[in-house]
Every structure is written in C-alpha cells, then in structure tokens.
PDB file of N, CA and C in Angstrom:
ATOM      1  N   MET A   1      29.335   1.892   5.111  1.00  0.00           N
ATOM      2  CA  MET A   1      27.930   2.107   4.716  1.00  0.00           C
ATOM      3  C   MET A   1      26.284   1.858   4.959  1.00  0.00           C
ATOM      4  N   SER A   2      25.682   2.169   5.924  1.00  0.00           N
ATOM      5  CA  SER A   2      24.659   1.196   6.377  1.00  0.00           C
ATOM      6  C   SER A   2      23.001   1.071   5.499  1.00  0.00           C
ATOM      7  N   ARG A   3      22.892  -0.446   5.541  1.00  0.00           N
ATOM      8  CA  ARG A   3      22.031  -0.744   4.601  1.00  0.00           C
ATOM      9  C   ARG A   3      20.728  -0.169   4.955  1.00  0.00           C
ATOM     10  N   GLN A   4      20.100  -0.147   3.592  1.00  0.00           N
ATOM     11  CA  GLN A   4      19.077   0.548   3.506  1.00  0.00           C
ATOM     12  C   GLN A   4      17.669  -0.391   3.904  1.00  0.00           C
ATOM     13  N   PRO A   5      16.938   0.563   5.080  1.00  0.00           N
ATOM     14  CA  PRO A   5      15.954  -0.669   5.424  1.00  0.00           C
ATOM     15  C   PRO A   5      14.767  -1.404   4.542  1.00  0.00           C
ATOM     16  N   ARG A   6      14.425  -2.595   4.902  1.00  0.00           N
ATOM     17  CA  ARG A   6      13.883  -3.265   3.853  1.00  0.00           C
ATOM     18  C   ARG A   6      12.340  -2.629   3.784  1.00  0.00           C
ATOM     19  N   SER A   7      11.797  -2.914   2.465  1.00  0.00           N
ATOM     20  CA  SER A   7      10.900  -2.184   2.832  1.00  0.00           C
ATOM     21  C   SER A   7       9.421  -3.136   1.978  1.00  0.00           C
ATOM     22  N   PHE A   8       8.591  -3.303   2.629  1.00  0.00           N
ATOM     23  CA  PHE A   8       7.115  -4.461   1.943  1.00  0.00           C
ATOM     24  C   PHE A   8       5.833  -4.014   2.292  1.00  0.00           C
ATOM     25  N   LEU A   9       5.719  -4.630   1.539  1.00  0.00           N
ATOM     26  CA  LEU A   9       3.933  -4.173   0.673  1.00  0.00           C
ATOM     27  C   LEU A   9       3.343  -5.561   1.406  1.00  0.00           C
ATOM     28  N   GLY A  10       1.843  -5.022   1.950  1.00  0.00           N
ATOM     29  CA  GLY A  10       1.277  -7.189   1.721  1.00  0.00           C
ATOM     30  C   GLY A  10       0.058  -6.686   2.871  1.00  0.00           C
ATOM     31  N   ALA A  11      -0.601  -7.176   2.892  1.00  0.00           N
ATOM     32  CA  ALA A  11      -1.994  -7.348   3.642  1.00  0.00           C
ATOM     33  C   ALA A  11      -1.556  -7.638   4.873  1.00  0.00           C
ATOM     34  N   ILE A  12      -1.924  -7.129   6.155  1.00  0.00           N
ATOM     35  CA  ILE A  12      -2.041  -8.207   7.491  1.00  0.00           C
ATOM     36  C   ILE A  12      -3.648  -8.491   7.784  1.00  0.00           C
ATOM     37  N   ARG A  13      -3.139  -9.655   9.203  1.00  0.00           N
ATOM     38  CA  ARG A  13      -4.558  -9.085   9.594  1.00  0.00           C
ATOM     39  C   ARG A  13      -4.410  -9.307  11.090  1.00  0.00           C
ATOM     40  N   ARG A  14      -5.110  -8.617  12.290  1.00  0.00           N
ATOM     41  CA  ARG A  14      -5.054  -8.945  13.365  1.00  0.00           C
ATOM     42  C   ARG A  14      -5.134 -10.210  14.067  1.00  0.00           C
ATOM     43  N   VAL A  15      -4.269 -11.274  15.046  1.00  0.00           N
ATOM     44  CA  VAL A  15      -4.358 -12.151  15.359  1.00  0.00           C
ATOM     45  C   VAL A  15      -3.866 -11.665  16.777  1.00  0.00           C
ATOM     46  N   GLY A  16      -5.094 -11.631  18.099  1.00  0.00           N
ATOM     47  CA  GLY A  16      -4.670 -10.946  19.525  1.00  0.00           C
ATOM     48  C   GLY A  16      -4.294  -9.604  19.275  1.00  0.00           C
ATOM     49  N   TYR A  17      -3.263  -9.454  19.903  1.00  0.00           N
ATOM     50  CA  TYR A  17      -2.674  -8.199  19.702  1.00  0.00           C
ATOM     51  C   TYR A  17      -1.274  -8.573  18.955  1.00  0.00           C
ATOM     52  N   VAL A  18      -1.123  -9.443  18.067  1.00  0.00           N
ATOM     53  CA  VAL A  18      -0.372  -9.143  16.747  1.00  0.00           C
ATOM     54  C   VAL A  18      -0.739  -9.108  15.398  1.00  0.00           C
ATOM     55  N   ASN A  19      -0.038  -7.683  15.003  1.00  0.00           N
ATOM     56  CA  ASN A  19      -0.417  -8.143  13.350  1.00  0.00           C
ATOM     57  C   ASN A  19       0.543  -9.100  12.365  1.00  0.00           C
ATOM     58  N   LYS A  20      -0.188 -10.118  11.361  1.00  0.00           N
ATOM     59  CA  LYS A  20       0.557 -10.759  11.106  1.00  0.00           C
ATOM     60  C   LYS A  20       0.221 -10.749   9.621  1.00  0.00           C
ATOM     61  N   SER A  21       1.751 -10.873   8.995  1.00  0.00           N
ATOM     62  CA  SER A  21       1.295 -10.520   7.813  1.00  0.00           C
ATOM     63  C   SER A  21       0.556 -11.776   7.208  1.00  0.00           C
ATOM     64  N   VAL A  22      -0.366 -11.341   6.030  1.00  0.00           N
ATOM     65  CA  VAL A  22      -0.784 -12.915   5.079  1.00  0.00           C
ATOM     66  C   VAL A  22      -0.255 -12.556   3.962  1.00  0.00           C
ATOM     67  N   THR A  23       0.109 -11.405   2.904  1.00  0.00           N
ATOM     68  CA  THR A  23       0.773 -11.524   1.983  1.00  0.00           C
ATOM     69  C   THR A  23       2.292 -10.656   2.109  1.00  0.00           C
ATOM     70  N   GLN A  24       3.149 -11.031   1.676  1.00  0.00           N
ATOM     71  CA  GLN A  24       4.295  -9.987   1.866  1.00  0.00           C
ATOM     72  C   GLN A  24       5.266 -10.271   0.795  1.00  0.00           C
ATOM     73  N   VAL A  25       5.412  -9.194  -0.332  1.00  0.00           N
ATOM     74  CA  VAL A  25       6.199  -8.901  -0.875  1.00  0.00           C
ATOM     75  C   VAL A  25       7.479  -7.954  -0.776  1.00  0.00           C
ATOM     76  N   GLU A  26       8.303  -8.414  -1.069  1.00  0.00           N
ATOM     77  CA  GLU A  26       9.911  -7.426  -0.551  1.00  0.00           C
ATOM     78  C   GLU A  26       9.864  -6.716  -1.712  1.00  0.00           C
ATOM     79  N   LEU A  27      10.264  -5.264  -1.458  1.00  0.00           N
ATOM     80  CA  LEU A  27      10.417  -4.595  -3.140  1.00  0.00           C
ATOM     81  C   LEU A  27      11.914  -4.034  -2.957  1.00  0.00           C
ATOM     82  N   GLU A  28      12.973  -3.753  -3.468  1.00  0.00           N
ATOM     83  CA  GLU A  28      13.929  -3.444  -3.500  1.00  0.00           C
ATOM     84  C   GLU A  28      14.011  -2.381  -3.656  1.00  0.00           C
ATOM     85  N   TYR A  29      13.004  -1.317  -3.810  1.00  0.00           N
ATOM     86  CA  TYR A  29      13.303   0.451  -4.020  1.00  0.00           C
ATOM     87  C   TYR A  29      11.547   0.534  -3.315  1.00  0.00           C
ATOM     88  N   GLY A  30      11.935   1.618  -2.329  1.00  0.00           N
ATOM     89  CA  GLY A  30      10.901   1.996  -1.572  1.00  0.00           C
ATOM     90  C   GLY A  30      11.120   3.654  -1.288  1.00  0.00           C
ATOM     91  N   VAL A  31      10.103   4.244  -0.787  1.00  0.00           N
ATOM     92  CA  VAL A  31       9.827   5.168  -0.198  1.00  0.00           C
ATOM     93  C   VAL A  31       9.741   5.255   1.112  1.00  0.00           C
ATOM     94  N   TYR A  32      10.512   6.130   2.218  1.00  0.00           N
ATOM     95  CA  TYR A  32      10.328   5.631   3.837  1.00  0.00           C
ATOM     96  C   TYR A  32       9.900   7.516   4.559  1.00  0.00           C
ATOM     97  N   SER A  33       9.259   7.332   5.282  1.00  0.00           N
ATOM     98  CA  SER A  33       8.887   8.564   5.818  1.00  0.00           C
ATOM     99  C   SER A  33       8.784   8.747   7.600  1.00  0.00           C
ATOM    100  N   GLY A  34       9.371   9.593   8.081  1.00  0.00           N
ATOM    101  CA  GLY A  34       9.474   9.907   9.448  1.00  0.00           C
ATOM    102  C   GLY A  34       8.616   9.597  10.002  1.00  0.00           C
ATOM    103  N   VAL A  35       6.933   9.690   9.730  1.00  0.00           N
ATOM    104  CA  VAL A  35       5.569   9.961  10.409  1.00  0.00           C
ATOM    105  C   VAL A  35       5.128   8.336  10.750  1.00  0.00           C
ATOM    106  N   LYS A  36       4.600   7.711  11.085  1.00  0.00           N
ATOM    107  CA  LYS A  36       3.987   6.528  11.205  1.00  0.00           C
ATOM    108  C   LYS A  36       2.322   7.141  11.795  1.00  0.00           C
ATOM    109  N   LEU A  37       1.316   6.788  10.784  1.00  0.00           N
ATOM    110  CA  LEU A  37       0.105   6.957  11.228  1.00  0.00           C
ATOM    111  C   LEU A  37      -0.526   5.594  11.582  1.00  0.00           C
ATOM    112  N   LYS A  38      -0.948   5.954  12.616  1.00  0.00           N
ATOM    113  CA  LYS A  38      -1.807   4.454  12.967  1.00  0.00           C
ATOM    114  C   LYS A  38      -3.666   4.709  12.956  1.00  0.00           C
ATOM    115  N   SER A  39      -4.045   3.437  13.019  1.00  0.00           N
ATOM    116  CA  SER A  39      -5.496   3.213  12.862  1.00  0.00           C
ATOM    117  C   SER A  39      -5.923   3.719  14.355  1.00  0.00           C
ATOM    118  N   ILE A  40      -7.257   4.408  14.170  1.00  0.00           N
ATOM    119  CA  ILE A  40      -7.633   4.597  16.106  1.00  0.00           C
ATOM    120  C   ILE A  40      -8.156   3.258  17.057  1.00  0.00           C
ATOM    121  N   GLY A  41      -7.988   2.245  16.362  1.00  0.00           N
ATOM    122  CA  GLY A  41      -8.257   0.954  17.236  1.00  0.00           C
ATOM    123  C   GLY A  41      -8.478   0.006  16.141  1.00  0.00           C
ATOM    124  N   GLU A  42      -8.828  -1.241  17.024  1.00  0.00           N
ATOM    125  CA  GLU A  42      -8.159  -2.620  16.158  1.00  0.00           C
ATOM    126  C   GLU A  42      -9.412  -2.608  15.358  1.00  0.00           C
ATOM    127  N   GLY A  43      -9.009  -3.379  13.865  1.00  0.00           N
ATOM    128  CA  GLY A  43      -9.378  -3.463  12.874  1.00  0.00           C
ATOM    129  C   GLY A  43     -10.531  -2.267  12.241  1.00  0.00           C
ATOM    130  N   MET A  44      -9.795  -1.050  12.373  1.00  0.00           N
ATOM    131  CA  MET A  44      -9.905   0.460  12.255  1.00  0.00           C
ATOM    132  C   MET A  44      -9.109   0.617  10.676  1.00  0.00           C
ATOM    133  N   VAL A  45      -9.859   1.223   9.794  1.00  0.00           N
ATOM    134  CA  VAL A  45      -8.988   2.097   8.726  1.00  0.00           C
ATOM    135  C   VAL A  45      -8.414   3.202   8.998  1.00  0.00           C
ATOM    136  N   PRO A  46      -7.250   3.655   9.019  1.00  0.00           N
ATOM    137  CA  PRO A  46      -6.447   4.953   9.247  1.00  0.00           C
ATOM    138  C   PRO A  46      -7.519   5.861   8.329  1.00  0.00           C
ATOM    139  N   MET A  47      -8.005   7.241   8.639  1.00  0.00           N
ATOM    140  CA  MET A  47      -8.817   7.995   8.451  1.00  0.00           C
ATOM    141  C   MET A  47      -8.467   8.656   7.102  1.00  0.00           C
ATOM    142  N   PHE A  48      -7.111   8.976   7.088  1.00  0.00           N
ATOM    143  CA  PHE A  48      -6.304   9.571   5.854  1.00  0.00           C
ATOM    144  C   PHE A  48      -6.366   8.516   4.926  1.00  0.00           C
ATOM    145  N   GLU A  49      -6.286   7.062   4.941  1.00  0.00           N
ATOM    146  CA  GLU A  49      -6.860   6.108   3.815  1.00  0.00           C
ATOM    147  C   GLU A  49      -8.091   5.884   3.599  1.00  0.00           C
ATOM    148  N   GLU A  50      -8.961   6.075   4.643  1.00  0.00           N
ATOM    149  CA  GLU A  50     -10.457   5.778   3.890  1.00  0.00           C
ATOM    150  C   GLU A  50     -10.675   7.027   3.221  1.00  0.00           C
ATOM    151  N   HIS A  51      -9.906   8.580   3.313  1.00  0.00           N
ATOM    152  CA  HIS A  51     -10.258   9.430   2.674  1.00  0.00           C
ATOM    153  C   HIS A  51      -9.653   9.322   1.029  1.00  0.00           C
ATOM    154  N   GLU A  52      -8.431   8.769   1.075  1.00  0.00           N
ATOM    155  CA  GLU A  52      -7.892   8.492  -0.228  1.00  0.00           C
ATOM    156  C   GLU A  52      -8.694   7.830  -1.100  1.00  0.00           C
ATOM    157  N   ALA A  53      -9.229   6.794  -0.494  1.00  0.00           N
ATOM    158  CA  ALA A  53     -10.106   5.612  -1.216  1.00  0.00           C
ATOM    159  C   ALA A  53     -11.314   6.205  -1.721  1.00  0.00           C
ATOM    160  N   ARG A  54     -11.909   7.474  -0.898  1.00  0.00           N
ATOM    161  CA  ARG A  54     -13.447   7.579  -1.268  1.00  0.00           C
ATOM    162  C   ARG A  54     -13.002   8.888  -2.417  1.00  0.00           C
ATOM    163  N   LEU A  55     -11.767   9.444  -2.455  1.00  0.00           N
ATOM    164  CA  LEU A  55     -11.389  10.986  -3.166  1.00  0.00           C
ATOM    165  C   LEU A  55     -11.006   9.672  -4.279  1.00  0.00           C
ATOM    166  N   SER A  56     -10.304   8.727  -4.472  1.00  0.00           N
ATOM    167  CA  SER A  56     -10.060   8.258  -5.686  1.00  0.00           C
ATOM    168  C   SER A  56     -11.199   7.792  -6.637  1.00  0.00           C
ATOM    169  N   ARG A  57     -12.295   7.731  -5.809  1.00  0.00           N
ATOM    170  CA  ARG A  57     -13.659   7.183  -6.252  1.00  0.00           C
ATOM    171  C   ARG A  57     -14.594   8.036  -6.801  1.00  0.00           C
ATOM    172  N   GLY A  58     -14.045   9.205  -6.619  1.00  0.00           N
ATOM    173  CA  GLY A  58     -15.036  10.469  -6.978  1.00  0.00           C
ATOM    174  C   GLY A  58     -16.054  10.461  -5.690  1.00  0.00           C
ATOM    175  N   ILE A  59     -16.100   9.876  -4.595  1.00  0.00           N
ATOM    176  CA  ILE A  59     -17.420   9.703  -3.625  1.00  0.00           C
ATOM    177  C   ILE A  59     -18.014  10.784  -2.685  1.00  0.00           C
ATOM    178  N   GLY A  60     -18.990  11.386  -2.755  1.00  0.00           N
ATOM    179  CA  GLY A  60     -18.672  12.854  -1.619  1.00  0.00           C
ATOM    180  C   GLY A  60     -19.181  12.257  -0.418  1.00  0.00           C
ATOM    181  N   LEU A  61     -18.871  13.233   0.575  1.00  0.00           N
ATOM    182  CA  LEU A  61     -19.173  12.488   2.064  1.00  0.00           C
ATOM    183  C   LEU A  61     -20.307  11.981   1.964  1.00  0.00           C
ATOM    184  N   ASP A  62     -21.761  12.524   1.492  1.00  0.00           N
ATOM    185  CA  ASP A  62     -23.165  12.002   1.914  1.00  0.00           C
ATOM    186  C   ASP A  62     -22.952  10.615   1.667  1.00  0.00           C
ATOM    187  N   GLU A  63     -22.754  10.506   0.322  1.00  0.00           N
ATOM    188  CA  GLU A  63     -22.891   9.181  -0.159  1.00  0.00           C
ATOM    189  C   GLU A  63     -22.027   8.246   0.556  1.00  0.00           C
ATOM    190  N   TRP A  64     -20.627   8.714   1.099  1.00  0.00           N
ATOM    191  CA  TRP A  64     -19.664   7.775   1.823  1.00  0.00           C
ATOM    192  C   TRP A  64     -20.591   7.291   2.634  1.00  0.00           C
ATOM    193  N   GLY A  65     -21.102   8.428   3.500  1.00  0.00           N
ATOM    194  CA  GLY A  65     -21.529   8.315   5.022  1.00  0.00           C
ATOM    195  C   GLY A  65     -22.530   7.356   4.980  1.00  0.00           C
ATOM    196  N   THR A  66     -23.610   7.603   3.715  1.00  0.00           N
ATOM    197  CA  THR A  66     -24.385   5.757   3.819  1.00  0.00           C
ATOM    198  C   THR A  66     -23.946   4.758   2.932  1.00  0.00           C
ATOM    199  N   MET A  67     -22.873   4.725   2.650  1.00  0.00           N
ATOM    200  CA  MET A  67     -22.591   3.132   1.543  1.00  0.00           C
ATOM    201  C   MET A  67     -22.326   2.060   3.152  1.00  0.00           C
ATOM    202  N   PRO A  68     -22.902   0.853   2.781  1.00  0.00           N
ATOM    203  CA  PRO A  68     -22.449  -0.434   3.813  1.00  0.00           C
ATOM    204  C   PRO A  68     -21.151  -0.405   4.030  1.00  0.00           C
ATOM    205  N   LEU A  69     -20.619  -1.027   5.214  1.00  0.00           N
ATOM    206  CA  LEU A  69     -19.299  -0.733   5.582  1.00  0.00           C
ATOM    207  C   LEU A  69     -19.009  -2.091   4.514  1.00  0.00           C
ATOM    208  N   PHE A  70     -19.352  -2.956   4.223  1.00  0.00           N
ATOM    209  CA  PHE A  70     -18.324  -4.169   3.515  1.00  0.00           C
ATOM    210  C   PHE A  70     -18.250  -3.213   2.109  1.00  0.00           C
ATOM    211  N   GLU A  71     -18.933  -2.407   1.474  1.00  0.00           N
ATOM    212  CA  GLU A  71     -18.947  -1.845   0.392  1.00  0.00           C
ATOM    213  C   GLU A  71     -17.977  -0.965   0.428  1.00  0.00           C
ATOM    214  N   LYS A  72     -17.241  -0.204   1.640  1.00  0.00           N
ATOM    215  CA  LYS A  72     -16.300   0.522   1.767  1.00  0.00           C
ATOM    216  C   LYS A  72     -15.001  -0.087   2.119  1.00  0.00           C
ATOM    217  N   ALA A  73     -15.187  -1.216   2.927  1.00  0.00           N
ATOM    218  CA  ALA A  73     -13.853  -2.309   2.687  1.00  0.00           C
ATOM    219  C   ALA A  73     -13.540  -2.707   1.707  1.00  0.00           C
ATOM    220  N   LEU A  74     -14.031  -3.287   0.814  1.00  0.00           N
ATOM    221  CA  LEU A  74     -14.169  -3.443  -0.607  1.00  0.00           C
ATOM    222  C   LEU A  74     -13.138  -2.130  -1.561  1.00  0.00           C
ATOM    223  N   LEU A  75     -13.591  -1.211  -1.284  1.00  0.00           N
ATOM    224  CA  LEU A  75     -12.687   0.088  -2.230  1.00  0.00           C
ATOM    225  C   LEU A  75     -11.684   0.192  -1.467  1.00  0.00           C
ATOM    226  N   ILE A  76     -11.728  -0.138  -0.225  1.00  0.00           N
ATOM    227  CA  ILE A  76     -10.044   0.453   0.385  1.00  0.00           C
ATOM    228  C   ILE A  76      -9.217  -0.714   0.093  1.00  0.00           C
ATOM    229  N   ALA A  77     -10.184  -1.810   0.107  1.00  0.00           N
ATOM    230  CA  ALA A  77      -8.196  -3.308  -0.454  1.00  0.00           C
ATOM    231  C   ALA A  77      -8.421  -3.178  -1.973  1.00  0.00           C
ATOM    232  N   HIS A  78      -9.400  -3.021  -2.591  1.00  0.00           N
ATOM    233  CA  HIS A  78      -9.098  -2.635  -3.978  1.00  0.00           C
ATOM    234  C   HIS A  78      -7.748  -1.702  -4.052  1.00  0.00           C
ATOM    235  N   ARG A  79      -8.263  -0.247  -3.344  1.00  0.00           N
ATOM    236  CA  ARG A  79      -7.196   0.351  -3.651  1.00  0.00           C
ATOM    237  C   ARG A  79      -5.985   0.080  -3.000  1.00  0.00           C
ATOM    238  N   ARG A  80      -5.490  -0.711  -1.315  1.00  0.00           N
ATOM    239  CA  ARG A  80      -4.759  -1.295  -1.488  1.00  0.00           C
ATOM    240  C   ARG A  80      -3.436  -1.933  -2.499  1.00  0.00           C
ATOM    241  N   VAL A  81      -4.696  -2.852  -3.272  1.00  0.00           N
ATOM    242  CA  VAL A  81      -4.184  -3.962  -4.032  1.00  0.00           C
ATOM    243  C   VAL A  81      -3.593  -3.251  -5.068  1.00  0.00           C
ATOM    244  N   LYS A  82      -4.223  -2.133  -6.056  1.00  0.00           N
ATOM    245  CA  LYS A  82      -3.473  -1.453  -6.848  1.00  0.00           C
ATOM    246  C   LYS A  82      -2.418  -0.940  -6.765  1.00  0.00           C
ATOM    247  N   ILE A  83      -2.718  -0.292  -5.200  1.00  0.00           N
ATOM    248  CA  ILE A  83      -1.275   0.180  -4.688  1.00  0.00           C
ATOM    249  C   ILE A  83       0.348  -0.475  -5.574  1.00  0.00           C
ATOM    250  N   ALA A  84      -0.002  -1.338  -4.939  1.00  0.00           N
ATOM    251  CA  ALA A  84       0.921  -2.589  -4.959  1.00  0.00           C
ATOM    252  C   ALA A  84       1.219  -3.056  -6.325  1.00  0.00           C
ATOM    253  N   MET A  85       0.248  -2.992  -6.782  1.00  0.00           N
ATOM    254  CA  MET A  85       0.335  -3.413  -8.223  1.00  0.00           C
ATOM    255  C   MET A  85       1.011  -2.248  -9.330  1.00  0.00           C
ATOM    256  N   GLU A  86       1.120  -0.944  -8.626  1.00  0.00           N
ATOM    257  CA  GLU A  86       1.805  -0.197  -9.058  1.00  0.00           C
ATOM    258  C   GLU A  86       2.735   0.356  -8.934  1.00  0.00           C
ATOM    259  N   ASN A  87       3.339  -0.513  -7.459  1.00  0.00           N
ATOM    260  CA  ASN A  87       5.103  -0.182  -6.768  1.00  0.00           C
ATOM    261  C   ASN A  87       5.246  -1.916  -7.546  1.00  0.00           C
ATOM    262  N   LEU A  88       5.008  -2.862  -7.497  1.00  0.00           N
ATOM    263  CA  LEU A  88       5.451  -3.802  -8.458  1.00  0.00           C
ATOM    264  C   LEU A  88       5.903  -3.186  -9.977  1.00  0.00           C
ATOM    265  N   GLN A  89       5.073  -3.062 -10.211  1.00  0.00           N
ATOM    266  CA  GLN A  89       5.309  -2.973 -12.015  1.00  0.00           C
ATOM    267  C   GLN A  89       6.145  -1.281 -12.078  1.00  0.00           C
ATOM    268  N   THR A  90       6.458  -0.358 -11.568  1.00  0.00           N
ATOM    269  CA  THR A  90       7.373   0.649 -11.390  1.00  0.00           C
ATOM    270  C   THR A  90       8.751  -0.318 -11.186  1.00  0.00           C
ATOM    271  N   GLU A  91       8.518  -1.212  -9.816  1.00  0.00           N
ATOM    272  CA  GLU A  91      10.171  -1.613  -9.846  1.00  0.00           C
ATOM    273  C   GLU A  91      10.429  -2.652 -11.107  1.00  0.00           C
ATOM    274  N   ALA A  92       9.334  -3.438 -11.403  1.00  0.00           N
ATOM    275  CA  ALA A  92       9.843  -4.271 -12.543  1.00  0.00           C
ATOM    276  C   ALA A  92      10.257  -2.960 -13.822  1.00  0.00           C
ATOM    277  N   GLU A  93      10.038  -1.668 -14.273  1.00  0.00           N
ATOM    278  CA  GLU A  93      10.368  -1.005 -15.072  1.00  0.00           C
ATOM    279  C   GLU A  93      11.876  -0.397 -14.773  1.00  0.00           C
ATOM    280  N   ILE A  94      11.963  -0.189 -13.792  1.00  0.00           N
ATOM    281  CA  ILE A  94      13.337   0.183 -13.184  1.00  0.00           C
ATOM    282  C   ILE A  94      14.103  -0.606 -13.250  1.00  0.00           C
ATOM    283  N   ARG A  95      14.021  -2.286 -13.057  1.00  0.00           N
ATOM    284  CA  ARG A  95      15.119  -3.103 -12.850  1.00  0.00           C
ATOM    285  C   ARG A  95      15.290  -3.459 -14.965  1.00  0.00           C
ATOM    286  N   GLN A  96      14.181  -3.365 -15.603  1.00  0.00           N
ATOM    287  CA  GLN A  96      14.552  -3.435 -17.254  1.00  0.00           C
ATOM    288  C   GLN A  96      15.233  -2.258 -17.421  1.00  0.00           C
ATOM    289  N   ALA A  97      15.061  -0.825 -17.060  1.00  0.00           N
ATOM    290  CA  ALA A  97      16.099  -0.112 -17.512  1.00  0.00           C
ATOM    291  C   ALA A  97      17.511  -0.409 -17.249  1.00  0.00           C
ATOM    292  N   GLU A  98      17.608  -0.800 -15.976  1.00  0.00           N
ATOM    293  CA  GLU A  98      19.060  -1.167 -15.064  1.00  0.00           C
ATOM    294  C   GLU A  98      19.685  -1.806 -16.253  1.00  0.00           C
ATOM    295  N   ASN A  99      18.769  -3.125 -16.549  1.00  0.00           N
ATOM    296  CA  ASN A  99      19.414  -4.050 -17.599  1.00  0.00           C
ATOM    297  C   ASN A  99      19.373  -3.505 -18.813  1.00  0.00           C
ATOM    298  N   LYS A 100      18.445  -2.951 -19.496  1.00  0.00           N
ATOM    299  CA  LYS A 100      19.182  -1.925 -20.550  1.00  0.00           C
ATOM    300  C   LYS A 100      20.349  -1.304 -20.783  1.00  0.00           C
ATOM    301  N   ALA A 101      20.652  -0.499 -19.617  1.00  0.00           N
ATOM    302  CA  ALA A 101      21.838   0.272 -19.502  1.00  0.00           C
ATOM    303  C   ALA A 101      23.014  -0.876 -19.443  1.00  0.00           C
ATOM    304  N   LYS A 102      22.985  -1.638 -18.484  1.00  0.00           N
ATOM    305  CA  LYS A 102      24.351  -2.533 -18.419  1.00  0.00           C
ATOM    306  C   LYS A 102      24.610  -3.403 -19.867  1.00  0.00           C
ATOM    307  N   ARG A 103      23.832  -3.583 -20.520  1.00  0.00           N
ATOM    308  CA  ARG A 103      23.664  -3.948 -21.926  1.00  0.00           C
ATOM    309  C   ARG A 103      24.259  -3.165 -22.521  1.00  0.00           C
ATOM    310  N   ARG A 104      24.329  -1.568 -22.922  1.00  0.00           N
ATOM    311  CA  ARG A 104      24.771  -0.636 -23.853  1.00  0.00           C
ATOM    312  C   ARG A 104      26.078  -0.453 -23.087  1.00  0.00           C
ATOM    313  N   GLY A 105      26.654  -0.856 -22.050  1.00  0.00           N
ATOM    314  CA  GLY A 105      27.508  -0.162 -21.088  1.00  0.00           C
ATOM    315  C   GLY A 105      28.718  -1.256 -21.731  1.00  0.00           C
ATOM    316  N   LYS A 106      28.081  -2.912 -22.289  1.00  0.00           N
ATOM    317  CA  LYS A 106      28.933  -3.402 -22.488  1.00  0.00           C
ATOM    318  C   LYS A 106      29.781  -3.302 -23.741  1.00  0.00           C
TER     319      LYS A 106
END
C-alpha cells in the first residue's frame, strides 16, 4: 500500500528562483487535486485566489480595482491565514472524535 502524500500549509517567500517556506505546518489529513494553478509571474497572486478574497469580503470589481495594492495584499494574506486556521481546527476535531471513539471501544 502506498503512503499518502504529505500535505503542508504555510507562507512562502521568493528567494531568487526558489520558493522558501517561511512557516510550515504539516497536516495529517489533506485534499489533493490533479490541477496546479500558478501565478502569472514572480510575486503575483493567482487570479483565482484574488477573486476568492474579493468575493469573500463582498467587494465589487470597481471598488477592488481602485483599492491600494497593499490593502489587497492584506486581505489575501488574511484569507490564507484564516484557511490555515480552519484546517487546523478541523484536524483537531477529527483527532478528538477519533480519541473519543477509541475510548468508547475499550
């Protein structure tokens, strides 16, 4: 039986031509996809992620277009942190449920 691929969440920083992990949290559970979406260029956020950040805040296209880049970056970073926290919370709940089931089975 093959081992499941490892799943990581974290922030990365571009150093030359290499993406270096700044924070890295390994998750026991994960979701995998066969599609890899990349940003258009160095330092750019993928369009789908920018769109999701905008929609999650209920910001219209016109307002988003006039918003300062730093403010957009903060909203996107906040979304990434929120997703990481939700994933960690979900993993903790799964572990708690597994532990409860083991105690009942004794």
